[in-house]
């Protein structure tokens, strides 16, 4: 049986809308060395082509609106070995192109919430 996981009160996870990609890009840049961080363009591509693999973690505040505080993003690969390759960082295979493997590219949490 899979254990049920819940988020702390005041947080929500949902698909990341395209309007929040610039916020995700800022979190990405603050979380990784410059030569490893995905660019805003790469994140826009992943949101547009593999949106079902792009989820945001939001701090929910009734009076201040929701704030993006983390995200997870990936793409799918039809690579025979299911391994993350440099080429797969800028591609996404659609369903129907054979067995697919979800490749997680980034898992980011705002610095003040880590630990």
Protein backbone atom coordinates (compact mmCIF):
# COMPACT_ATOMS: atom_id res chain seq x y z
CA UNK A 1 0.00 0.00 0.00
CA UNK A 2 1.30 3.45 -0.90
CA UNK A 3 1.41 5.78 2.11
CA UNK A 4 -0.67 8.92 1.88
CA UNK A 5 1.39 12.11 1.94
CA UNK A 6 0.05 15.48 2.87
CA UNK A 7 1.49 18.94 2.59
CA UNK A 8 1.84 21.23 5.57
CA UNK A 9 -1.10 23.58 6.00
CA UNK A 10 -0.81 26.63 3.78
CA UNK A 11 0.84 24.88 0.81
CA UNK A 12 -0.55 23.49 -2.42
CA UNK A 13 0.89 21.63 -5.42
CA UNK A 14 -0.59 22.10 -8.86
CA UNK A 15 0.45 22.19 -12.51
CA UNK A 16 2.63 25.23 -13.08
CA UNK A 17 0.86 27.72 -15.39
CA UNK A 18 2.91 29.38 -18.16
CA UNK A 19 2.58 32.76 -16.43
CA UNK A 20 4.69 31.41 -13.52
CA UNK A 21 7.62 30.20 -15.65
CA UNK A 22 9.59 33.46 -15.07
CA UNK A 23 9.21 32.93 -11.31
CA UNK A 24 10.39 29.34 -11.69
CA UNK A 25 13.37 30.56 -13.72
CA UNK A 26 14.37 32.89 -10.88
CA UNK A 27 14.12 30.06 -8.35
CA UNK A 28 16.16 27.82 -10.67
CA UNK A 29 18.88 30.46 -11.09
CA UNK A 30 19.06 30.95 -7.31
CA UNK A 31 19.30 27.20 -6.68
CA UNK A 32 21.92 25.95 -9.14
CA UNK A 33 25.32 27.08 -10.40
CA UNK A 34 24.95 29.19 -13.57
CA UNK A 35 26.39 26.44 -15.79
CA UNK A 36 23.86 23.89 -14.45
CA UNK A 37 20.67 25.95 -14.14
CA UNK A 38 18.02 25.63 -16.83
CA UNK A 39 17.47 28.83 -18.76
CA UNK A 40 14.12 30.59 -18.87
CA UNK A 41 13.81 29.40 -22.47
CA UNK A 42 14.38 25.77 -21.46
CA UNK A 43 11.74 26.05 -18.74
CA UNK A 44 9.31 27.69 -21.20
CA UNK A 45 9.89 24.78 -23.61
CA UNK A 46 9.27 22.22 -20.87
CA UNK A 47 6.11 24.00 -19.73
CA UNK A 48 4.76 24.23 -23.28
CA UNK A 49 5.68 20.71 -24.41
CA UNK A 50 5.61 18.73 -21.16
CA UNK A 51 3.32 20.73 -18.91
CA UNK A 52 2.02 17.56 -17.28
CA UNK A 53 5.59 17.08 -15.95
CA UNK A 54 5.85 20.62 -14.48
CA UNK A 55 4.35 21.19 -11.02
CA UNK A 56 4.62 24.18 -8.72
CA UNK A 57 4.67 24.28 -4.94
CA UNK A 58 2.76 27.31 -3.73
CA UNK A 59 2.49 29.00 -0.36
CA UNK A 60 -1.21 29.81 -0.16
CA UNK A 61 -2.18 33.06 1.52
CA UNK A 62 -5.77 34.29 1.38
CA UNK A 63 -4.91 37.97 1.71
CA UNK A 64 -1.60 38.02 -0.21
CA UNK A 65 -2.21 35.56 -3.04
CA UNK A 66 -0.32 32.38 -3.81
CA UNK A 67 3.48 32.50 -4.00
CA UNK A 68 5.59 30.01 -5.97
CA UNK A 69 8.12 28.57 -3.51
CA UNK A 70 9.27 25.49 -5.40
CA UNK A 71 8.74 23.30 -8.43
CA UNK A 72 9.52 19.97 -10.06
CA UNK A 73 9.98 19.71 -13.82
CA UNK A 74 10.80 16.90 -16.19
CA UNK A 75 10.34 15.62 -19.69
CA UNK A 76 9.75 12.19 -21.17
CA UNK A 77 12.31 10.20 -23.10
CA UNK A 78 11.99 7.14 -25.28
CA UNK A 79 15.69 6.34 -24.78
CA UNK A 80 16.19 2.59 -24.69
CA UNK A 81 18.18 2.78 -21.46
CA UNK A 82 15.90 5.42 -19.83
CA UNK A 83 18.88 7.55 -18.83
CA UNK A 84 19.12 11.31 -18.73
CA UNK A 85 21.39 12.37 -21.59
CA UNK A 86 22.52 15.86 -22.54
CA UNK A 87 20.26 15.75 -25.62
CA UNK A 88 17.23 14.92 -23.47
CA UNK A 89 17.62 18.23 -21.63
CA UNK A 90 16.11 20.02 -24.63
CA UNK A 91 13.67 17.44 -25.97
CA UNK A 92 10.42 15.74 -25.02
CA UNK A 93 8.85 12.59 -26.46
CA UNK A 94 5.07 12.50 -26.72
CA UNK A 95 2.92 9.56 -25.72
CA UNK A 96 2.57 6.99 -28.47
CA UNK A 97 6.24 6.99 -29.42
CA UNK A 98 6.99 3.80 -27.50
CA UNK A 99 7.74 3.21 -23.82
CA UNK A 100 8.50 6.49 -22.08
CA UNK A 101 10.62 7.31 -19.06
CA UNK A 102 10.02 10.45 -17.00
CA UNK A 103 13.30 12.33 -16.58
CA UNK A 104 13.36 14.73 -13.64
CA UNK A 105 15.41 17.79 -14.59
CA UNK A 106 14.92 20.06 -11.56
CA UNK A 107 13.51 19.80 -8.08
CA UNK A 108 13.71 23.25 -6.51
CA UNK A 109 12.61 24.66 -3.16
CA UNK A 110 13.15 28.28 -2.14
CA UNK A 111 16.23 28.60 0.05
CA UNK A 112 14.34 29.77 3.12
CA UNK A 113 12.20 26.59 3.12
CA UNK A 114 14.97 24.01 2.66
CA UNK A 115 16.04 21.69 5.40
